[in-house]
Protein backbone atom coordinates (compact mmCIF):
# COMPACT_ATOMS: atom_id res chain seq x y z
CA MET A 1 213.35 -132.20 153.89
CA GLU A 2 211.09 -129.26 152.88
CA ASN A 3 211.47 -126.09 154.94
CA ASN A 4 208.58 -124.88 157.00
CA MET A 5 207.19 -121.52 155.97
CA GLU A 6 208.46 -119.93 159.19
CA ASP A 7 211.92 -121.05 158.41
CA LEU A 8 212.04 -119.27 155.05
CA PRO A 9 213.71 -115.86 154.59
CA ASN A 10 211.21 -113.14 153.68
CA HIS A 11 213.70 -111.47 151.38
CA ILE A 12 216.52 -113.13 149.52
CA ALA A 13 219.09 -111.24 147.42
CA ILE A 14 221.32 -113.10 144.92
CA ILE A 15 224.67 -112.07 143.54
CA PRO A 16 225.15 -114.39 140.49
CA ASP A 17 228.84 -114.46 140.20
CA ALA A 18 231.08 -116.35 137.76
CA ASN A 19 229.04 -116.55 134.52
CA ARG A 20 232.09 -115.35 132.60
CA ARG A 21 234.41 -117.87 134.34
CA TRP A 22 231.94 -120.61 133.59
CA ALA A 23 231.99 -119.76 129.88
CA ARG A 24 235.78 -119.36 129.76
CA GLU A 25 236.33 -122.83 131.23
CA ARG A 26 234.33 -124.21 128.31
CA GLY A 27 236.03 -122.12 125.64
CA LEU A 28 232.91 -120.06 125.11
CA ALA A 29 232.34 -116.28 124.61
CA PRO A 30 231.63 -114.49 127.92
CA TRP A 31 228.00 -113.75 126.98
CA LYS A 32 227.29 -117.49 126.57
CA GLY A 33 227.74 -117.67 130.33
CA HIS A 34 225.26 -114.84 130.76
CA GLU A 35 222.81 -116.69 128.55
CA VAL A 36 223.02 -119.88 130.58
CA GLY A 37 222.93 -117.82 133.74
CA ALA A 38 219.65 -116.16 132.56
CA ASP A 39 218.18 -119.60 131.92
CA ASN A 40 219.16 -120.63 135.43
CA PHE A 41 217.62 -117.53 136.92
CA GLU A 42 214.35 -118.47 135.26
CA LYS A 43 214.47 -121.84 137.06
CA LEU A 44 215.35 -120.30 140.43
CA ILE A 45 212.57 -117.73 140.18
CA THR A 46 210.11 -120.49 139.50
CA TYR A 47 211.47 -122.47 142.42
CA SER A 48 211.39 -119.53 144.75
CA LEU A 49 207.71 -118.93 143.89
CA LYS A 50 206.99 -122.57 144.54
CA LYS A 51 208.76 -122.44 147.91
CA GLY A 52 206.74 -119.29 148.95
CA ILE A 53 209.61 -116.73 149.02
CA ARG A 54 207.82 -113.37 149.23
CA CYS A 55 210.60 -111.06 147.99
CA LEU A 56 213.54 -111.99 145.66
CA SER A 57 216.16 -109.52 144.46
CA ILE A 58 218.55 -110.41 141.67
CA TRP A 59 221.63 -108.42 140.70
CA GLY A 60 221.46 -108.44 136.94
CA SER A 61 224.34 -106.01 136.26
CA SER A 62 226.43 -103.27 137.90
CA ILE A 63 227.15 -100.01 136.22
CA ASP A 64 230.67 -101.22 135.36
CA ASN A 65 229.17 -104.28 133.62
CA LEU A 66 227.55 -101.88 131.16
CA THR A 67 230.16 -99.22 130.81
CA LYS A 68 233.54 -100.95 131.09
CA ARG A 69 233.16 -104.35 129.41
CA PRO A 70 233.56 -104.96 125.62
CA PHE A 71 230.80 -103.66 123.41
CA GLU A 72 229.87 -107.11 122.14
CA GLU A 73 229.41 -108.39 125.71
CA LYS A 74 227.21 -105.37 126.58
CA ARG A 75 225.11 -105.80 123.42
CA ALA A 76 224.65 -109.49 124.15
CA LEU A 77 223.65 -108.75 127.77
CA LEU A 78 221.04 -106.24 126.67
CA ASP A 79 219.72 -108.74 124.14
CA ILE A 80 219.38 -111.32 126.92
CA TYR A 81 217.37 -108.81 128.93
CA ARG A 82 215.18 -108.08 125.96
CA ARG A 83 214.44 -111.74 125.26
CA TYR A 84 213.94 -112.62 128.92
CA PHE A 85 211.63 -109.74 129.85
CA THR A 86 209.57 -110.24 126.68
CA LYS A 87 209.16 -113.83 127.63
CA MET A 88 208.20 -112.84 131.17
CA LEU A 89 205.66 -110.33 129.79
CA GLU A 90 204.07 -112.85 127.45
CA GLY A 91 204.07 -115.80 129.97
CA LYS A 92 201.63 -116.63 132.72
CA GLU A 93 203.85 -117.13 135.77
CA ILE A 94 204.07 -113.63 137.10
CA TYR A 95 200.39 -113.05 136.70
CA GLU A 96 199.24 -116.44 138.16
CA ASN A 97 201.48 -115.82 141.19
CA GLU A 98 200.60 -112.15 141.51
CA VAL A 99 204.22 -111.01 141.31
CA GLN A 100 205.10 -107.30 141.30
CA VAL A 101 208.22 -106.86 139.20
CA ASN A 102 210.51 -103.99 139.98
CA PHE A 103 213.61 -102.69 138.24
CA ILE A 104 216.14 -100.86 140.41
CA GLY A 105 219.25 -98.99 139.33
CA ARG A 106 220.38 -96.61 136.53
CA TRP A 107 218.96 -98.77 133.77
CA GLU A 108 217.05 -95.91 132.21
CA GLU A 109 220.31 -94.14 131.61
CA GLN A 110 221.97 -97.23 130.06
CA PHE A 111 219.33 -99.12 128.18
CA PRO A 112 218.02 -98.41 124.64
CA ASP A 113 214.48 -97.18 124.26
CA SER A 114 213.31 -100.52 122.77
CA LEU A 115 214.33 -102.41 125.94
CA LYS A 116 213.03 -99.69 128.24
CA LYS A 117 209.60 -99.93 126.57
CA ILE A 118 209.41 -103.65 127.46
CA ILE A 119 210.46 -102.97 131.07
CA TYR A 120 207.95 -100.16 131.41
CA GLU A 121 205.24 -102.57 130.23
CA VAL A 122 206.27 -105.23 132.79
CA ILE A 123 206.18 -102.61 135.57
CA GLU A 124 202.75 -101.34 134.46
CA LYS A 125 201.16 -104.79 134.20
CA THR A 126 202.42 -106.00 137.62
CA LYS A 127 202.36 -102.83 139.74
CA HIS A 128 199.10 -103.70 141.48
CA TYR A 129 200.27 -107.16 142.77
CA GLN A 130 201.21 -107.43 146.40
CA LYS A 131 201.58 -111.21 146.95
CA ARG A 132 205.15 -111.63 145.69
CA PHE A 133 207.96 -109.24 144.78
CA LEU A 134 210.64 -109.82 142.22
CA ASN A 135 213.33 -107.12 141.90
CA PHE A 136 215.92 -106.87 139.17
CA MET A 137 218.90 -104.71 140.07
CA LEU A 138 220.13 -103.36 136.72
CA ALA A 139 223.00 -100.89 136.20
CA TYR A 140 223.02 -100.99 140.05
CA GLY A 141 225.69 -100.52 142.69
CA GLY A 142 225.20 -100.20 146.47
CA THR A 143 227.90 -97.64 146.78
CA ASP A 144 226.30 -95.53 143.99
CA ASP A 145 222.93 -95.88 145.65
CA MET A 146 224.22 -94.58 148.96
CA LEU A 147 226.06 -91.66 147.35
CA LEU A 148 222.95 -90.65 145.45
CA ALA A 149 220.87 -90.88 148.64
CA VAL A 150 223.35 -88.57 150.47
CA GLN A 151 223.17 -86.12 147.56
CA LYS A 152 219.33 -86.15 147.62
CA ILE A 153 219.27 -85.64 151.42
CA ASN A 154 221.62 -82.72 151.09
CA LYS A 155 219.33 -81.02 148.61
CA LYS A 156 216.04 -81.84 150.30
CA TYR A 157 216.67 -81.09 154.01
CA GLN A 158 217.62 -78.08 155.98
CA GLN A 159 221.10 -77.77 157.35
CA GLY A 160 221.38 -79.04 160.88
CA ILE A 161 218.45 -81.50 160.59
CA LYS A 162 219.03 -84.83 162.33
CA ILE A 163 219.57 -87.50 159.74
CA THR A 164 217.85 -90.67 160.82
CA ALA A 165 217.89 -94.26 159.53
CA GLU A 166 214.36 -93.62 158.14
CA ILE A 167 215.47 -90.61 156.14
CA ILE A 168 218.36 -92.56 154.58
CA LYS A 169 216.07 -95.43 153.57
CA GLU A 170 213.54 -93.02 152.13
CA ASN A 171 216.13 -91.71 149.69
CA LEU A 172 217.61 -95.02 148.53
CA MET A 173 216.73 -96.65 145.27
CA THR A 174 215.61 -99.65 147.36
CA VAL A 175 213.16 -97.48 149.40
CA ASN A 176 210.27 -99.87 148.84
CA LEU A 177 212.18 -103.08 149.61
CA PRO A 178 212.24 -104.83 153.00
CA PRO A 179 215.56 -105.60 154.69
CA VAL A 180 217.44 -108.56 153.09
CA ASP A 181 217.29 -111.62 155.31
CA TYR A 182 219.57 -113.86 153.25
CA MET A 183 222.24 -112.78 150.71
CA ILE A 184 223.51 -115.58 148.46
CA ARG A 185 226.64 -115.23 146.37
CA THR A 186 227.80 -117.80 143.92
CA GLY A 187 231.23 -118.31 142.32
CA GLY A 188 233.43 -119.25 145.26
CA GLU A 189 234.56 -115.78 146.20
CA PRO A 190 233.21 -114.86 149.72
CA HIS A 191 232.86 -111.08 149.47
CA ASN A 192 230.46 -108.33 148.58
CA SER A 193 230.82 -106.23 145.39
CA ALA A 194 230.34 -102.47 144.93
CA GLY A 195 228.57 -102.34 148.29
CA PHE A 196 225.65 -104.33 146.90
CA MET A 197 222.49 -103.30 148.84
CA MET A 198 224.78 -102.22 151.70
CA TRP A 199 222.00 -100.57 153.75
CA ASP A 200 219.50 -103.40 153.27
CA THR A 201 221.95 -106.20 153.96
CA ALA A 202 223.21 -104.76 157.28
CA ASP A 203 221.70 -107.61 159.27
CA ALA A 204 221.52 -110.22 156.49
CA GLN A 205 222.70 -113.77 156.81
CA LEU A 206 225.35 -114.48 154.16
CA TYR A 207 225.77 -117.62 152.10
CA PHE A 208 228.67 -118.22 149.73
CA SER A 209 228.44 -121.03 147.22
CA ASN A 210 231.43 -122.52 145.46
CA GLU A 211 229.24 -123.22 142.43
CA LYS A 212 229.52 -120.85 139.51
CA PHE A 213 226.05 -119.35 138.90
CA PRO A 214 225.07 -121.44 135.86
CA ASP A 215 225.61 -124.50 138.05
CA PHE A 216 223.75 -123.06 141.06
CA ASP A 217 220.51 -125.01 140.33
CA GLU A 218 217.33 -125.68 142.32
CA GLU A 219 219.07 -128.33 144.32
CA LYS A 220 221.82 -126.00 145.39
CA PHE A 221 219.26 -123.26 146.11
CA GLN A 222 217.37 -125.69 148.34
CA GLU A 223 220.60 -126.51 150.19
CA ALA A 224 221.06 -122.80 150.84
CA LEU A 225 217.52 -122.52 152.17
CA GLU A 226 218.09 -125.47 154.47
CA GLU A 227 221.23 -123.84 155.72
CA TYR A 228 219.31 -120.69 156.56
CA SER A 229 216.75 -122.66 158.54
CA LYS A 230 219.48 -123.93 160.83
CA ARG A 231 220.83 -120.48 161.73
CA GLN A 232 219.84 -118.24 164.56
CA ARG A 233 219.67 -114.51 163.67
CA ARG A 234 220.80 -112.36 166.60
CA PHE A 235 220.64 -108.85 165.01
CA GLY A 236 223.73 -107.77 166.92
CA ALA A 237 222.46 -109.01 170.28
């Protein structure tokens, strides 16, 4: 059964866990799992647009993914980004669906200029769209985001000022994103990582799939959406 529009979450965040485990089980190099995962993301993005999801956030990599993993894996991951974002830039889907594409995290510190150039072009060509929002969290961690926000607040405001929820949000990397309604994590491990979007997921419904991300296809995504439609959000009440 298809979900009614009113049953759909406005903002979905996805933690795509277990690409490496998926590859290891098949005797493949870790980055092969990332490649298949990227292909799967492309399908899920298309499906979310078809379903009418207004805002979709995808955790592409943490800072540790880019600083602590073997060089070959990092190089392969950056090459996947290069190929995928070039394909996005040259395709029709984001333009036909009026998707604003955002990149959130410390990617400018971690990525080579050639990749940053592609990302800047995607940002520039989609910045005026307001119908749909697609957010890639790259070199991103929620704990890091919160610490940076506190540091910015400390520098910007007078001592003794009352710190409000609005001030905190204004200083986060995710300042322009709405609250997350539904956070989906694949891979069979029911926990958060690195405080992923900790402020924005405060009232989110959580969904943990046993499927490793390369196997979390459109059918599994639809099952997650149907599960959301059955829940009642109480917001602490």
